Amino acid sequence: GLALWNFAFLDKQPFQADPARDEPLNRGAYLVQGLGHCGS
């Protein structure tokens, strides 16, 4: 059933920097959303 879960909810797209943000802000977003997995 986890394969179905992945199909429904998994986004495999790597982090994309937001051009409206400066480099440090994008770095913070990358760490929080990715490696830091704060949303977990």
PDB file of all heavy atoms in Angstrom:
ATOM      1  N   GLY A   1       0.810  -1.214   0.000  1.00  0.00           N
ATOM      2  CA  GLY A   1       0.000   0.000   0.000  1.00  0.00           C
ATOM      3  C   GLY A   1       0.842   1.262   0.000  1.00  0.00           C
ATOM      4  O   GLY A   1       0.368   2.338  -0.393  1.00  0.00           O
ATOM      5  N   LEU A   2       2.122   1.150   0.437  1.00  0.00           N
ATOM      6  CA  LEU A   2       2.992   2.319   0.461  1.00  0.00           C
ATOM      7  C   LEU A   2       3.345   2.797  -0.936  1.00  0.00           C
ATOM      8  O   LEU A   2       3.653   3.975  -1.139  1.00  0.00           O
ATOM      9  CB  LEU A   2       4.263   1.997   1.258  1.00  0.00           C
ATOM     10  CG  LEU A   2       4.021   1.736   2.756  1.00  0.00           C
ATOM     11  CD1 LEU A   2       5.279   1.186   3.402  1.00  0.00           C
ATOM     12  CD2 LEU A   2       3.580   3.017   3.452  1.00  0.00           C
ATOM     13  N   ALA A   3       3.302   1.881  -1.914  1.00  0.00           N
ATOM     14  CA  ALA A   3       3.539   2.301  -3.299  1.00  0.00           C
ATOM     15  C   ALA A   3       2.434   3.253  -3.755  1.00  0.00           C
ATOM     16  O   ALA A   3       2.677   4.239  -4.456  1.00  0.00           O
ATOM     17  CB  ALA A   3       3.611   1.080  -4.211  1.00  0.00           C
ATOM     18  N   LEU A   4       1.203   2.953  -3.324  1.00  0.00           N
ATOM     19  CA  LEU A   4       0.096   3.850  -3.635  1.00  0.00           C
ATOM     20  C   LEU A   4       0.260   5.176  -2.905  1.00  0.00           C
ATOM     21  O   LEU A   4      -0.060   6.242  -3.446  1.00  0.00           O
ATOM     22  CB  LEU A   4      -1.234   3.191  -3.247  1.00  0.00           C
ATOM     23  CG  LEU A   4      -1.573   1.877  -3.964  1.00  0.00           C
ATOM     24  CD1 LEU A   4      -2.886   1.310  -3.427  1.00  0.00           C
ATOM     25  CD2 LEU A   4      -1.660   2.114  -5.475  1.00  0.00           C
ATOM     26  N   TRP A   5       0.747   5.105  -1.670  1.00  0.00           N
ATOM     27  CA  TRP A   5       0.989   6.330  -0.900  1.00  0.00           C
ATOM     28  C   TRP A   5       2.006   7.206  -1.630  1.00  0.00           C
ATOM     29  O   TRP A   5       1.814   8.415  -1.764  1.00  0.00           O
ATOM     30  CB  TRP A   5       1.499   5.959   0.490  1.00  0.00           C
ATOM     31  CG  TRP A   5       1.552   7.105   1.472  1.00  0.00           C
ATOM     32  CD1 TRP A   5       0.607   7.440   2.380  1.00  0.00           C
ATOM     33  CD2 TRP A   5       2.617   8.053   1.631  1.00  0.00           C
ATOM     34  NE1 TRP A   5       0.993   8.540   3.105  1.00  0.00           N
ATOM     35  CE2 TRP A   5       2.229   8.940   2.662  1.00  0.00           C
ATOM     36  CE3 TRP A   5       3.847   8.252   1.006  1.00  0.00           C
ATOM     37  CZ2 TRP A   5       3.027  10.002   3.091  1.00  0.00           C
ATOM     38  CZ3 TRP A   5       4.644   9.315   1.419  1.00  0.00           C
ATOM     39  CH2 TRP A   5       4.238  10.171   2.451  1.00  0.00           C
ATOM     40  N   ASN A   6       3.078   6.590  -2.111  1.00  0.00           N
ATOM     41  CA  ASN A   6       4.086   7.355  -2.843  1.00  0.00           C
ATOM     42  C   ASN A   6       3.497   7.979  -4.104  1.00  0.00           C
ATOM     43  O   ASN A   6       3.799   9.129  -4.449  1.00  0.00           O
ATOM     44  CB  ASN A   6       5.265   6.456  -3.219  1.00  0.00           C
ATOM     45  CG  ASN A   6       6.155   6.145  -2.022  1.00  0.00           C
ATOM     46  OD1 ASN A   6       6.034   6.760  -0.970  1.00  0.00           O
ATOM     47  ND2 ASN A   6       7.050   5.179  -2.193  1.00  0.00           N
ATOM     48  N   PHE A   7       2.668   7.214  -4.785  1.00  0.00           N
ATOM     49  CA  PHE A   7       2.064   7.719  -6.014  1.00  0.00           C
ATOM     50  C   PHE A   7       1.215   8.960  -5.723  1.00  0.00           C
ATOM     51  O   PHE A   7       1.210   9.923  -6.492  1.00  0.00           O
ATOM     52  CB  PHE A   7       1.196   6.638  -6.665  1.00  0.00           C
ATOM     53  CG  PHE A   7       0.482   7.094  -7.909  1.00  0.00           C
ATOM     54  CD1 PHE A   7       1.167   7.184  -9.121  1.00  0.00           C
ATOM     55  CD2 PHE A   7      -0.853   7.461  -7.868  1.00  0.00           C
ATOM     56  CE1 PHE A   7       0.516   7.628 -10.270  1.00  0.00           C
ATOM     57  CE2 PHE A   7      -1.513   7.896  -9.002  1.00  0.00           C
ATOM     58  CZ  PHE A   7      -0.823   7.985 -10.219  1.00  0.00           C
ATOM     59  N   ALA A   8       0.523   8.938  -4.588  1.00  0.00           N
ATOM     60  CA  ALA A   8      -0.381  10.030  -4.258  1.00  0.00           C
ATOM     61  C   ALA A   8       0.330  11.242  -3.665  1.00  0.00           C
ATOM     62  O   ALA A   8      -0.060  12.388  -3.926  1.00  0.00           O
ATOM     63  CB  ALA A   8      -1.456   9.543  -3.291  1.00  0.00           C
ATOM     64  N   PHE A   9       1.404  11.002  -2.897  1.00  0.00           N
ATOM     65  CA  PHE A   9       1.934  12.105  -2.095  1.00  0.00           C
ATOM     66  C   PHE A   9       3.408  12.426  -2.313  1.00  0.00           C
ATOM     67  O   PHE A   9       3.860  13.492  -1.896  1.00  0.00           O
ATOM     68  CB  PHE A   9       1.725  11.804  -0.606  1.00  0.00           C
ATOM     69  CG  PHE A   9       0.299  11.576  -0.225  1.00  0.00           C
ATOM     70  CD1 PHE A   9      -0.118  10.339   0.265  1.00  0.00           C
ATOM     71  CD2 PHE A   9      -0.647  12.584  -0.369  1.00  0.00           C
ATOM     72  CE1 PHE A   9      -1.439  10.125   0.618  1.00  0.00           C
ATOM     73  CE2 PHE A   9      -1.968  12.375  -0.013  1.00  0.00           C
ATOM     74  CZ  PHE A   9      -2.366  11.148   0.474  1.00  0.00           C
ATOM     75  N   LEU A  10       4.169  11.545  -2.926  1.00  0.00           N
ATOM     76  CA  LEU A  10       5.611  11.783  -3.034  1.00  0.00           C
ATOM     77  C   LEU A  10       5.944  12.665  -4.229  1.00  0.00           C
ATOM     78  O   LEU A  10       5.578  12.364  -5.356  1.00  0.00           O
ATOM     79  CB  LEU A  10       6.364  10.455  -3.150  1.00  0.00           C
ATOM     80  CG  LEU A  10       7.889  10.569  -3.326  1.00  0.00           C
ATOM     81  CD1 LEU A  10       8.516  11.272  -2.122  1.00  0.00           C
ATOM     82  CD2 LEU A  10       8.509   9.196  -3.541  1.00  0.00           C
ATOM     83  N   ASP A  11       6.636  13.757  -3.948  1.00  0.00           N
ATOM     84  CA  ASP A  11       7.150  14.646  -4.990  1.00  0.00           C
ATOM     85  C   ASP A  11       8.664  14.478  -5.018  1.00  0.00           C
ATOM     86  O   ASP A  11       9.365  14.897  -4.096  1.00  0.00           O
ATOM     87  CB  ASP A  11       6.773  16.093  -4.685  1.00  0.00           C
ATOM     88  CG  ASP A  11       7.306  17.073  -5.736  1.00  0.00           C
ATOM     89  OD1 ASP A  11       7.906  16.613  -6.734  1.00  0.00           O
ATOM     90  OD2 ASP A  11       7.124  18.284  -5.547  1.00  0.00           O
ATOM     91  N   LYS A  12       9.186  13.853  -6.081  1.00  0.00           N
ATOM     92  CA  LYS A  12      10.618  13.560  -6.169  1.00  0.00           C
ATOM     93  C   LYS A  12      11.426  14.716  -6.749  1.00  0.00           C
ATOM     94  O   LYS A  12      12.626  14.592  -6.971  1.00  0.00           O
ATOM     95  CB  LYS A  12      10.834  12.299  -7.010  1.00  0.00           C
ATOM     96  CG  LYS A  12      10.282  11.044  -6.352  1.00  0.00           C
ATOM     97  CD  LYS A  12      10.561   9.811  -7.178  1.00  0.00           C
ATOM     98  CE  LYS A  12       9.661   9.751  -8.415  1.00  0.00           C
ATOM     99  NZ  LYS A  12       9.840   8.478  -9.154  1.00  0.00           N
ATOM    100  N   GLN A  13      10.773  15.833  -6.970  1.00  0.00           N
ATOM    101  CA  GLN A  13      11.449  16.986  -7.550  1.00  0.00           C
ATOM    102  C   GLN A  13      12.451  17.565  -6.554  1.00  0.00           C
ATOM    103  O   GLN A  13      12.095  17.922  -5.436  1.00  0.00           O
ATOM    104  CB  GLN A  13      10.418  18.062  -7.909  1.00  0.00           C
ATOM    105  CG  GLN A  13      10.996  19.344  -8.472  1.00  0.00           C
ATOM    106  CD  GLN A  13      11.555  19.162  -9.883  1.00  0.00           C
ATOM    107  OE1 GLN A  13      11.156  18.260 -10.608  1.00  0.00           O
ATOM    108  NE2 GLN A  13      12.486  20.007 -10.259  1.00  0.00           N
ATOM    109  N   PRO A  14      13.748  17.660  -6.908  1.00  0.00           N
ATOM    110  CA  PRO A  14      14.730  18.276  -6.007  1.00  0.00           C
ATOM    111  C   PRO A  14      14.389  19.737  -5.740  1.00  0.00           C
ATOM    112  O   PRO A  14      13.611  20.355  -6.460  1.00  0.00           O
ATOM    113  CB  PRO A  14      16.051  18.143  -6.774  1.00  0.00           C
ATOM    114  CG  PRO A  14      15.823  17.033  -7.739  1.00  0.00           C
ATOM    115  CD  PRO A  14      14.383  17.118  -8.124  1.00  0.00           C
ATOM    116  N   PHE A  15      14.981  20.266  -4.711  1.00  0.00           N
ATOM    117  CA  PHE A  15      14.725  21.651  -4.319  1.00  0.00           C
ATOM    118  C   PHE A  15      15.073  22.605  -5.456  1.00  0.00           C
ATOM    119  O   PHE A  15      16.118  22.488  -6.094  1.00  0.00           O
ATOM    120  CB  PHE A  15      15.548  22.007  -3.083  1.00  0.00           C
ATOM    121  CG  PHE A  15      15.430  23.442  -2.665  1.00  0.00           C
ATOM    122  CD1 PHE A  15      14.345  23.859  -1.912  1.00  0.00           C
ATOM    123  CD2 PHE A  15      16.398  24.376  -3.036  1.00  0.00           C
ATOM    124  CE1 PHE A  15      14.222  25.193  -1.523  1.00  0.00           C
ATOM    125  CE2 PHE A  15      16.285  25.705  -2.649  1.00  0.00           C
ATOM    126  CZ  PHE A  15      15.189  26.110  -1.889  1.00  0.00           C
ATOM    127  N   GLN A  16      14.189  23.546  -5.693  1.00  0.00           N
ATOM    128  CA  GLN A  16      14.410  24.577  -6.694  1.00  0.00           C
ATOM    129  C   GLN A  16      14.479  25.927  -6.000  1.00  0.00           C
ATOM    130  O   GLN A  16      13.558  26.311  -5.274  1.00  0.00           O
ATOM    131  CB  GLN A  16      13.267  24.582  -7.723  1.00  0.00           C
ATOM    132  CG  GLN A  16      13.148  23.301  -8.531  1.00  0.00           C
ATOM    133  CD  GLN A  16      14.350  23.085  -9.436  1.00  0.00           C
ATOM    134  OE1 GLN A  16      14.845  24.028 -10.065  1.00  0.00           O
ATOM    135  NE2 GLN A  16      14.813  21.838  -9.516  1.00  0.00           N
ATOM    136  N   ALA A  17      15.565  26.628  -6.203  1.00  0.00           N
ATOM    137  CA  ALA A  17      15.721  27.948  -5.593  1.00  0.00           C
ATOM    138  C   ALA A  17      14.679  28.911  -6.144  1.00  0.00           C
ATOM    139  O   ALA A  17      14.305  28.851  -7.322  1.00  0.00           O
ATOM    140  CB  ALA A  17      17.122  28.487  -5.851  1.00  0.00           C
ATOM    141  N   ASP A  18      14.201  29.780  -5.271  1.00  0.00           N
ATOM    142  CA  ASP A  18      13.232  30.803  -5.651  1.00  0.00           C
ATOM    143  C   ASP A  18      13.995  32.041  -6.081  1.00  0.00           C
ATOM    144  O   ASP A  18      14.716  32.644  -5.275  1.00  0.00           O
ATOM    145  CB  ASP A  18      12.324  31.115  -4.456  1.00  0.00           C
ATOM    146  CG  ASP A  18      11.216  32.090  -4.801  1.00  0.00           C
ATOM    147  OD1 ASP A  18      11.306  32.767  -5.843  1.00  0.00           O
ATOM    148  OD2 ASP A  18      10.260  32.190  -4.007  1.00  0.00           O
ATOM    149  N   PRO A  19      13.862  32.453  -7.344  1.00  0.00           N
ATOM    150  CA  PRO A  19      14.623  33.622  -7.813  1.00  0.00           C
ATOM    151  C   PRO A  19      14.266  34.903  -7.075  1.00  0.00           C
ATOM    152  O   PRO A  19      15.043  35.872  -7.108  1.00  0.00           O
ATOM    153  CB  PRO A  19      14.250  33.707  -9.301  1.00  0.00           C
ATOM    154  CG  PRO A  19      12.978  32.935  -9.432  1.00  0.00           C
ATOM    155  CD  PRO A  19      13.048  31.867  -8.413  1.00  0.00           C
ATOM    156  N   ALA A  20      13.122  34.927  -6.401  1.00  0.00           N
ATOM    157  CA  ALA A  20      12.733  36.125  -5.662  1.00  0.00           C
ATOM    158  C   ALA A  20      13.438  36.210  -4.307  1.00  0.00           C
ATOM    159  O   ALA A  20      13.341  37.230  -3.620  1.00  0.00           O
ATOM    160  CB  ALA A  20      11.216  36.137  -5.448  1.00  0.00           C
ATOM    161  N   ARG A  21      14.136  35.145  -3.915  1.00  0.00           N
ATOM    162  CA  ARG A  21      14.845  35.133  -2.637  1.00  0.00           C
ATOM    163  C   ARG A  21      16.340  35.234  -2.866  1.00  0.00           C
ATOM    164  O   ARG A  21      16.862  34.751  -3.878  1.00  0.00           O
ATOM    165  CB  ARG A  21      14.542  33.843  -1.866  1.00  0.00           C
ATOM    166  CG  ARG A  21      13.108  33.733  -1.354  1.00  0.00           C
ATOM    167  CD  ARG A  21      12.833  32.347  -0.825  1.00  0.00           C
ATOM    168  NE  ARG A  21      11.558  32.282  -0.123  1.00  0.00           N
ATOM    169  CZ  ARG A  21      10.860  31.178   0.056  1.00  0.00           C
ATOM    170  NH1 ARG A  21      11.320  30.010  -0.410  1.00  0.00           N
ATOM    171  NH2 ARG A  21       9.714  31.206   0.698  1.00  0.00           N
ATOM    172  N   ASP A  22      17.049  35.830  -1.911  1.00  0.00           N
ATOM    173  CA  ASP A  22      18.498  35.886  -2.046  1.00  0.00           C
ATOM    174  C   ASP A  22      19.088  34.519  -1.715  1.00  0.00           C
ATOM    175  O   ASP A  22      18.396  33.593  -1.270  1.00  0.00           O
ATOM    176  CB  ASP A  22      19.093  36.987  -1.172  1.00  0.00           C
ATOM    177  CG  ASP A  22      18.820  36.800   0.319  1.00  0.00           C
ATOM    178  OD1 ASP A  22      18.606  35.657   0.756  1.00  0.00           O
ATOM    179  OD2 ASP A  22      18.813  37.807   1.051  1.00  0.00           O
ATOM    180  N   GLU A  23      20.381  34.385  -1.910  1.00  0.00           N
ATOM    181  CA  GLU A  23      21.028  33.081  -1.757  1.00  0.00           C
ATOM    182  C   GLU A  23      20.935  32.523  -0.337  1.00  0.00           C
ATOM    183  O   GLU A  23      20.594  31.345  -0.152  1.00  0.00           O
ATOM    184  CB  GLU A  23      22.498  33.180  -2.184  1.00  0.00           C
ATOM    185  CG  GLU A  23      23.229  31.835  -2.162  1.00  0.00           C
ATOM    186  CD  GLU A  23      24.655  31.942  -2.690  1.00  0.00           C
ATOM    187  OE1 GLU A  23      24.979  32.962  -3.335  1.00  0.00           O
ATOM    188  OE2 GLU A  23      25.423  31.003  -2.453  1.00  0.00           O
ATOM    189  N   PRO A  24      21.199  33.333   0.709  1.00  0.00           N
ATOM    190  CA  PRO A  24      21.062  32.785   2.062  1.00  0.00           C
ATOM    191  C   PRO A  24      19.632  32.344   2.380  1.00  0.00           C
ATOM    192  O   PRO A  24      19.429  31.331   3.062  1.00  0.00           O
ATOM    193  CB  PRO A  24      21.494  33.953   2.965  1.00  0.00           C
ATOM    194  CG  PRO A  24      22.377  34.787   2.106  1.00  0.00           C
ATOM    195  CD  PRO A  24      21.793  34.689   0.732  1.00  0.00           C
ATOM    196  N   LEU A  25      18.634  33.080   1.901  1.00  0.00           N
ATOM    197  CA  LEU A  25      17.249  32.702   2.174  1.00  0.00           C
ATOM    198  C   LEU A  25      16.901  31.389   1.476  1.00  0.00           C
ATOM    199  O   LEU A  25      16.203  30.540   2.028  1.00  0.00           O
ATOM    200  CB  LEU A  25      16.308  33.820   1.733  1.00  0.00           C
ATOM    201  CG  LEU A  25      14.934  33.870   2.419  1.00  0.00           C
ATOM    202  CD1 LEU A  25      15.090  33.994   3.927  1.00  0.00           C
ATOM    203  CD2 LEU A  25      14.118  35.034   1.886  1.00  0.00           C
ATOM    204  N   ASN A  26      17.401  31.219   0.260  1.00  0.00           N
ATOM    205  CA  ASN A  26      17.196  29.944  -0.437  1.00  0.00           C
ATOM    206  C   ASN A  26      17.933  28.811   0.270  1.00  0.00           C
ATOM    207  O   ASN A  26      17.430  27.688   0.342  1.00  0.00           O
ATOM    208  CB  ASN A  26      17.660  30.058  -1.892  1.00  0.00           C
ATOM    209  CG  ASN A  26      16.570  30.576  -2.809  1.00  0.00           C
ATOM    210  OD1 ASN A  26      15.438  30.090  -2.786  1.00  0.00           O
ATOM    211  ND2 ASN A  26      16.902  31.561  -3.635  1.00  0.00           N
ATOM    212  N   ARG A  27      19.107  29.107   0.802  1.00  0.00           N
ATOM    213  CA  ARG A  27      19.839  28.096   1.559  1.00  0.00           C
ATOM    214  C   ARG A  27      19.027  27.671   2.785  1.00  0.00           C
ATOM    215  O   ARG A  27      18.898  26.474   3.089  1.00  0.00           O
ATOM    216  CB  ARG A  27      21.196  28.646   1.999  1.00  0.00           C
ATOM    217  CG  ARG A  27      21.995  27.747   2.952  1.00  0.00           C
ATOM    218  CD  ARG A  27      22.468  26.477   2.297  1.00  0.00           C
ATOM    219  NE  ARG A  27      23.334  25.720   3.196  1.00  0.00           N
ATOM    220  CZ  ARG A  27      23.795  24.493   2.951  1.00  0.00           C
ATOM    221  NH1 ARG A  27      23.465  23.877   1.814  1.00  0.00           N
ATOM    222  NH2 ARG A  27      24.589  23.880   3.803  1.00  0.00           N
ATOM    223  N   GLY A  28      18.440  28.635   3.481  1.00  0.00           N
ATOM    224  CA  GLY A  28      17.610  28.317   4.629  1.00  0.00           C
ATOM    225  C   GLY A  28      16.416  27.468   4.247  1.00  0.00           C
ATOM    226  O   GLY A  28      16.072  26.497   4.940  1.00  0.00           O
ATOM    227  N   ALA A  29      15.766  27.819   3.119  1.00  0.00           N
ATOM    228  CA  ALA A  29      14.614  27.042   2.657  1.00  0.00           C
ATOM    229  C   ALA A  29      15.036  25.621   2.306  1.00  0.00           C
ATOM    230  O   ALA A  29      14.327  24.649   2.630  1.00  0.00           O
ATOM    231  CB  ALA A  29      13.982  27.731   1.454  1.00  0.00           C
ATOM    232  N   TYR A  30      16.183  25.461   1.673  1.00  0.00           N
ATOM    233  CA  TYR A  30      16.690  24.133   1.307  1.00  0.00           C
ATOM    234  C   TYR A  30      16.934  23.277   2.553  1.00  0.00           C
ATOM    235  O   TYR A  30      16.549  22.101   2.608  1.00  0.00           O
ATOM    236  CB  TYR A  30      17.984  24.287   0.514  1.00  0.00           C
ATOM    237  CG  TYR A  30      18.750  23.001   0.300  1.00  0.00           C
ATOM    238  CD1 TYR A  30      18.280  22.002  -0.555  1.00  0.00           C
ATOM    239  CD2 TYR A  30      19.960  22.777   0.961  1.00  0.00           C
ATOM    240  CE1 TYR A  30      18.985  20.819  -0.748  1.00  0.00           C
ATOM    241  CE2 TYR A  30      20.679  21.601   0.775  1.00  0.00           C
ATOM    242  CZ  TYR A  30      20.184  20.619  -0.070  1.00  0.00           C
ATOM    243  OH  TYR A  30      20.890  19.452  -0.253  1.00  0.00           O
ATOM    244  N   LEU A  31      17.554  23.875   3.558  1.00  0.00           N
ATOM    245  CA  LEU A  31      17.861  23.113   4.766  1.00  0.00           C
ATOM    246  C   LEU A  31      16.598  22.749   5.542  1.00  0.00           C
ATOM    247  O   LEU A  31      16.469  21.626   6.048  1.00  0.00           O
ATOM    248  CB  LEU A  31      18.807  23.920   5.660  1.00  0.00           C
ATOM    249  CG  LEU A  31      20.217  24.142   5.103  1.00  0.00           C
ATOM    250  CD1 LEU A  31      21.001  25.086   6.002  1.00  0.00           C
ATOM    251  CD2 LEU A  31      20.962  22.824   4.934  1.00  0.00           C
ATOM    252  N   VAL A  32      15.663  23.663   5.646  1.00  0.00           N
ATOM    253  CA  VAL A  32      14.439  23.414   6.402  1.00  0.00           C
ATOM    254  C   VAL A  32      13.554  22.398   5.689  1.00  0.00           C
ATOM    255  O   VAL A  32      13.040  21.453   6.286  1.00  0.00           O
ATOM    256  CB  VAL A  32      13.670  24.725   6.641  1.00  0.00           C
ATOM    257  CG1 VAL A  32      12.273  24.452   7.201  1.00  0.00           C
ATOM    258  CG2 VAL A  32      14.449  25.625   7.593  1.00  0.00           C
ATOM    259  N   GLN A  33      13.381  22.580   4.395  1.00  0.00           N
ATOM    260  CA  GLN A  33      12.480  21.717   3.634  1.00  0.00           C
ATOM    261  C   GLN A  33      13.093  20.357   3.338  1.00  0.00           C
ATOM    262  O   GLN A  33      12.385  19.357   3.221  1.00  0.00           O
ATOM    263  CB  GLN A  33      12.100  22.388   2.318  1.00  0.00           C
ATOM    264  CG  GLN A  33      11.298  23.667   2.476  1.00  0.00           C
ATOM    265  CD  GLN A  33      11.060  24.372   1.150  1.00  0.00           C
ATOM    266  OE1 GLN A  33      11.148  23.764   0.074  1.00  0.00           O
ATOM    267  NE2 GLN A  33      10.774  25.664   1.208  1.00  0.00           N
ATOM    268  N   GLY A  34      14.424  20.317   3.207  1.00  0.00           N
ATOM    269  CA  GLY A  34      15.096  19.092   2.807  1.00  0.00           C
ATOM    270  C   GLY A  34      15.787  18.377   3.951  1.00  0.00           C
ATOM    271  O   GLY A  34      15.167  17.630   4.711  1.00  0.00           O
ATOM    272  N   LEU A  35      17.095  18.620   4.090  1.00  0.00           N
ATOM    273  CA  LEU A  35      17.872  17.884   5.085  1.00  0.00           C
ATOM    274  C   LEU A  35      17.325  18.027   6.501  1.00  0.00           C
ATOM    275  O   LEU A  35      17.269  17.063   7.264  1.00  0.00           O
ATOM    276  CB  LEU A  35      19.328  18.360   5.038  1.00  0.00           C
ATOM    277  CG  LEU A  35      20.181  17.711   3.950  1.00  0.00           C
ATOM    278  CD1 LEU A  35      21.438  18.521   3.697  1.00  0.00           C
ATOM    279  CD2 LEU A  35      20.533  16.290   4.352  1.00  0.00           C
ATOM    280  N   GLY A  36      16.890  19.226   6.870  1.00  0.00           N
ATOM    281  CA  GLY A  36      16.387  19.434   8.225  1.00  0.00           C
ATOM    282  C   GLY A  36      15.060  18.749   8.481  1.00  0.00           C
ATOM    283  O   GLY A  36      14.690  18.526   9.639  1.00  0.00           O
ATOM    284  N   HIS A  37      14.328  18.434   7.407  1.00  0.00           N
ATOM    285  CA  HIS A  37      13.013  17.782   7.459  1.00  0.00           C
ATOM    286  C   HIS A  37      12.162  18.286   8.623  1.00  0.00           C
ATOM    287  O   HIS A  37      11.511  17.520   9.333  1.00  0.00           O
ATOM    288  CB  HIS A  37      13.142  16.247   7.496  1.00  0.00           C
ATOM    289  CG  HIS A  37      13.966  15.684   8.623  1.00  0.00           C
ATOM    290  ND1 HIS A  37      15.324  15.577   8.576  1.00  0.00           N
ATOM    291  CD2 HIS A  37      13.607  15.190   9.833  1.00  0.00           C
ATOM    292  CE1 HIS A  37      15.780  15.043   9.688  1.00  0.00           C
ATOM    293  NE2 HIS A  37      14.729  14.794  10.479  1.00  0.00           N
ATOM    294  N   CYS A  38      12.147  19.605   8.795  1.00  0.00           N
ATOM    295  CA  CYS A  38      11.411  20.209   9.913  1.00  0.00           C
ATOM    296  C   CYS A  38       9.923  19.904   9.825  1.00  0.00           C
ATOM    297  O   CYS A  38       9.243  19.760  10.844  1.00  0.00           O
ATOM    298  CB  CYS A  38      11.625  21.720   9.937  1.00  0.00           C
ATOM    299  SG  CYS A  38      13.364  22.208  10.039  1.00  0.00           S
ATOM    300  N   GLY A  39       9.418  19.799   8.595  1.00  0.00           N
ATOM    301  CA  GLY A  39       8.002  19.531   8.426  1.00  0.00           C
ATOM    302  C   GLY A  39       7.567  18.181   8.942  1.00  0.00           C
ATOM    303  O   GLY A  39       6.375  17.969   9.210  1.00  0.00           O
ATOM    304  N   SER A  40       8.493  17.247   9.117  1.00  0.00           N
ATOM    305  CA  SER A  40       8.125  15.913   9.611  1.00  0.00           C
ATOM    306  C   SER A  40       7.422  15.985  10.956  1.00  0.00           C
ATOM    307  O   SER A  40       6.570  15.145  11.262  1.00  0.00           O
ATOM    308  CB  SER A  40       9.376  15.034   9.741  1.00  0.00           C
ATOM    309  OG  SER A  40       9.937  14.769   8.481  1.00  0.00           O
TER     310      SER A  40
END
